[in-house]
Structures are given as structure tokens and as C-alpha cells.
Amino acid sequence: MNDYQAKLVLNAVKGLGFARITKLLAYFGSAVQVLRLKRNELLESQAVPEAVADEIVHFPVDEFLKEELALIEKSNVRVLFHGSEDYPQGLNFIPDAPFALYVKGEMK
């Protein structure tokens, strides 16, 4: 799994929003690393409550990615993640900005 795929997964996990995802990424360094962690390691970070740690650990990663990547391709969209070069700069000032934007067509 690559970073792009891991970020897609984190964006889909119930209970994870912008603030929690960015805390996890800051603490553990990458989305791939977050998805490799055990429940107790996630809880040690204090970035997520127990219920969300359970959601991360038990998320059906392979099934989700198969469906999500196929849908992205079929719909001809691209996904922009917070912090990427193409992510709209104006959203950086919103406290709970979307972590991922699914974009079809050109952004102006």
C-alpha cells in the first residue's frame, strides 16, 4: 500500500476527520504507518479515542481500496489531500477542512 491509498483509507474511517488525521500523521509520520499500528499503539498517541482506534484496526482496507480505486477511475476524478500542492489554499484556514477533496474537471 502506498501513501495515497493509505490516505484514502484514513479519510473513509468512521470517526476520523481532519483534526484527528492530521494529529495521527504528525505523531506517526505517514498514513501507511498509521494503518500498520496496533490498537494500543494508536491509543498511546492520544490522537483518537478507543472507538476510533477500533475502527482503524478493523477497517476492511483491501475491500475498500478495490472499490474506491475503481470508482475513482470510473468517475474520472482525482483526489487532493490536505497539504498537497493542488489543495485549495483557502481551505487551509478552516479548522475542520476536508482532508480529501474529490475533484472532477479543472479547478480554477
C-alpha atoms as a PDB file:
ATOM      1  CA  MET A   1       0.000   0.000   0.000  1.00  0.00           C
ATOM      2  CA  ASN A   2       1.262   3.463  -0.831  1.00  0.00           C
ATOM      3  CA  ASP A   3       0.687   6.805   0.907  1.00  0.00           C
ATOM      4  CA  TYR A   4      -2.102   7.823  -1.492  1.00  0.00           C
ATOM      5  CA  GLN A   5      -4.033   4.618  -0.800  1.00  0.00           C
ATOM      6  CA  ALA A   6      -3.455   4.880   2.961  1.00  0.00           C
ATOM      7  CA  LYS A   7      -4.791   8.446   2.968  1.00  0.00           C
ATOM      8  CA  LEU A   8      -7.889   7.296   1.090  1.00  0.00           C
ATOM      9  CA  VAL A   9      -8.439   4.732   3.835  1.00  0.00           C
ATOM     10  CA  LEU A  10      -7.947   7.191   6.693  1.00  0.00           C
ATOM     11  CA  ASN A  11     -10.370   9.586   5.031  1.00  0.00           C
ATOM     12  CA  ALA A  12     -13.001   6.825   4.999  1.00  0.00           C
ATOM     13  CA  VAL A  13     -12.616   5.602   8.590  1.00  0.00           C
ATOM     14  CA  LYS A  14     -15.629   6.424  10.752  1.00  0.00           C
ATOM     15  CA  GLY A  15     -14.735   8.951  13.435  1.00  0.00           C
ATOM     16  CA  LEU A  16     -11.664  10.337  11.694  1.00  0.00           C
ATOM     17  CA  GLY A  17     -11.841  13.888  10.462  1.00  0.00           C
ATOM     18  CA  PHE A  18      -9.301  16.493   9.541  1.00  0.00           C
ATOM     19  CA  ALA A  19      -8.080  17.183  13.091  1.00  0.00           C
ATOM     20  CA  ARG A  20      -7.600  13.545  14.070  1.00  0.00           C
ATOM     21  CA  ILE A  21      -5.997  12.549  10.793  1.00  0.00           C
ATOM     22  CA  THR A  22      -3.502  15.415  10.957  1.00  0.00           C
ATOM     23  CA  LYS A  23      -2.665  14.538  14.583  1.00  0.00           C
ATOM     24  CA  LEU A  24      -2.044  10.925  13.613  1.00  0.00           C
ATOM     25  CA  LEU A  25       0.113  11.904  10.647  1.00  0.00           C
ATOM     26  CA  ALA A  26       2.134  14.342  12.751  1.00  0.00           C
ATOM     27  CA  TYR A  27       2.659  11.772  15.505  1.00  0.00           C
ATOM     28  CA  PHE A  28       3.407   8.694  13.381  1.00  0.00           C
ATOM     29  CA  GLY A  29       4.874  10.275  10.242  1.00  0.00           C
ATOM     30  CA  SER A  30       2.766   8.724   7.491  1.00  0.00           C
ATOM     31  CA  ALA A  31      -0.644   7.320   6.678  1.00  0.00           C
ATOM     32  CA  VAL A  32       0.921   3.965   5.821  1.00  0.00           C
ATOM     33  CA  GLN A  33       2.483   3.795   9.282  1.00  0.00           C
ATOM     34  CA  VAL A  34      -0.823   4.662  10.970  1.00  0.00           C
ATOM     35  CA  LEU A  35      -2.530   1.731   9.260  1.00  0.00           C
ATOM     36  CA  ARG A  36       0.220  -0.653  10.405  1.00  0.00           C
ATOM     37  CA  LEU A  37      -0.315   0.132  14.078  1.00  0.00           C
ATOM     38  CA  LYS A  38      -1.957  -1.986  16.710  1.00  0.00           C
ATOM     39  CA  ARG A  39      -4.813  -0.668  18.816  1.00  0.00           C
ATOM     40  CA  ASN A  40      -2.666   0.049  21.875  1.00  0.00           C
ATOM     41  CA  GLU A  41      -0.138   1.989  19.765  1.00  0.00           C
ATOM     42  CA  LEU A  42      -2.922   4.177  18.363  1.00  0.00           C
ATOM     43  CA  LEU A  43      -4.244   4.826  21.863  1.00  0.00           C
ATOM     44  CA  GLU A  44      -0.789   5.771  23.167  1.00  0.00           C
ATOM     45  CA  SER A  45      -0.745   8.709  20.748  1.00  0.00           C
ATOM     46  CA  GLN A  46      -3.861  10.140  22.420  1.00  0.00           C
ATOM     47  CA  ALA A  47      -4.941  11.317  18.962  1.00  0.00           C
ATOM     48  CA  VAL A  48      -8.016   9.080  18.871  1.00  0.00           C
ATOM     49  CA  PRO A  49     -10.464   7.597  21.371  1.00  0.00           C
ATOM     50  CA  GLU A  50     -10.869   3.832  21.798  1.00  0.00           C
ATOM     51  CA  ALA A  51     -13.828   3.544  19.422  1.00  0.00           C
ATOM     52  CA  VAL A  52     -11.912   5.230  16.610  1.00  0.00           C
ATOM     53  CA  ALA A  53      -8.806   3.125  17.250  1.00  0.00           C
ATOM     54  CA  ASP A  54     -11.044   0.067  16.851  1.00  0.00           C
ATOM     55  CA  GLU A  55     -12.446   1.461  13.592  1.00  0.00           C
ATOM     56  CA  ILE A  56      -8.920   1.947  12.224  1.00  0.00           C
ATOM     57  CA  VAL A  57      -7.709  -1.511  13.231  1.00  0.00           C
ATOM     58  CA  HIS A  58     -10.797  -3.319  11.900  1.00  0.00           C
ATOM     59  CA  PHE A  59     -11.310  -1.281   8.725  1.00  0.00           C
ATOM     60  CA  PRO A  60     -11.694  -3.514   5.626  1.00  0.00           C
ATOM     61  CA  VAL A  61      -8.727  -1.945   3.839  1.00  0.00           C
ATOM     62  CA  ASP A  62      -8.373  -4.298   0.853  1.00  0.00           C
ATOM     63  CA  GLU A  63     -12.080  -4.395   0.042  1.00  0.00           C
ATOM     64  CA  PHE A  64     -12.421  -0.629   0.413  1.00  0.00           C
ATOM     65  CA  LEU A  65      -9.409   0.154  -1.773  1.00  0.00           C
ATOM     66  CA  LYS A  66     -10.534  -2.185  -4.518  1.00  0.00           C
ATOM     67  CA  GLU A  67     -13.927  -0.472  -4.694  1.00  0.00           C
ATOM     68  CA  GLU A  68     -12.699   3.092  -4.109  1.00  0.00           C
ATOM     69  CA  LEU A  69      -9.894   2.989  -6.668  1.00  0.00           C
ATOM     70  CA  ALA A  70     -12.251   1.501  -9.262  1.00  0.00           C
ATOM     71  CA  LEU A  71     -14.824   4.225  -8.562  1.00  0.00           C
ATOM     72  CA  ILE A  72     -12.187   6.977  -8.781  1.00  0.00           C
ATOM     73  CA  GLU A  73     -11.047   5.661 -12.143  1.00  0.00           C
ATOM     74  CA  LYS A  74     -14.569   5.093 -13.465  1.00  0.00           C
ATOM     75  CA  SER A  75     -15.685   8.576 -12.377  1.00  0.00           C
ATOM     76  CA  ASN A  76     -12.529  10.171 -13.787  1.00  0.00           C
ATOM     77  CA  VAL A  77     -11.843  12.147 -10.617  1.00  0.00           C
ATOM     78  CA  ARG A  78      -8.661  12.983  -8.786  1.00  0.00           C
ATOM     79  CA  VAL A  79      -8.218  13.189  -5.057  1.00  0.00           C
ATOM     80  CA  LEU A  80      -6.450  16.110  -3.437  1.00  0.00           C
ATOM     81  CA  PHE A  81      -5.253  15.692   0.128  1.00  0.00           C
ATOM     82  CA  HIS A  82      -4.720  18.489   2.599  1.00  0.00           C
ATOM     83  CA  GLY A  83      -1.137  19.645   2.349  1.00  0.00           C
ATOM     84  CA  SER A  84      -0.733  18.749  -1.310  1.00  0.00           C
ATOM     85  CA  GLU A  85       0.314  21.358  -3.830  1.00  0.00           C
ATOM     86  CA  ASP A  86      -3.069  21.389  -5.618  1.00  0.00           C
ATOM     87  CA  TYR A  87      -5.209  21.548  -2.463  1.00  0.00           C
ATOM     88  CA  PRO A  88      -7.077  24.896  -2.389  1.00  0.00           C
ATOM     89  CA  GLN A  89      -5.100  27.295  -0.208  1.00  0.00           C
ATOM     90  CA  GLY A  90      -8.245  28.996   1.130  1.00  0.00           C
ATOM     91  CA  LEU A  91      -9.270  25.770   2.861  1.00  0.00           C
ATOM     92  CA  ASN A  92      -6.084  25.806   4.932  1.00  0.00           C
ATOM     93  CA  PHE A  93      -7.690  28.432   7.166  1.00  0.00           C
ATOM     94  CA  ILE A  94     -10.743  26.337   8.046  1.00  0.00           C
ATOM     95  CA  PRO A  95     -10.267  24.475  11.351  1.00  0.00           C
ATOM     96  CA  ASP A  96     -12.055  21.321  10.165  1.00  0.00           C
ATOM     97  CA  ALA A  97     -11.314  21.478   6.446  1.00  0.00           C
ATOM     98  CA  PRO A  98     -11.904  18.378   4.361  1.00  0.00           C
ATOM     99  CA  PHE A  99      -8.876  16.121   4.494  1.00  0.00           C
ATOM    100  CA  ALA A 100      -9.591  14.927   0.959  1.00  0.00           C
ATOM    101  CA  LEU A 101     -11.326  16.554  -1.976  1.00  0.00           C
ATOM    102  CA  TYR A 102     -12.633  14.511  -4.876  1.00  0.00           C
ATOM    103  CA  VAL A 103     -12.329  16.732  -7.932  1.00  0.00           C
ATOM    104  CA  LYS A 104     -13.806  16.245 -11.373  1.00  0.00           C
ATOM    105  CA  GLY A 105     -12.593  18.578 -14.084  1.00  0.00           C
ATOM    106  CA  GLU A 106     -10.391  21.611 -13.655  1.00  0.00           C
ATOM    107  CA  MET A 107     -10.196  23.739 -10.538  1.00  0.00           C
ATOM    108  CA  LYS A 108      -9.956  27.479 -11.085  1.00  0.00           C
END
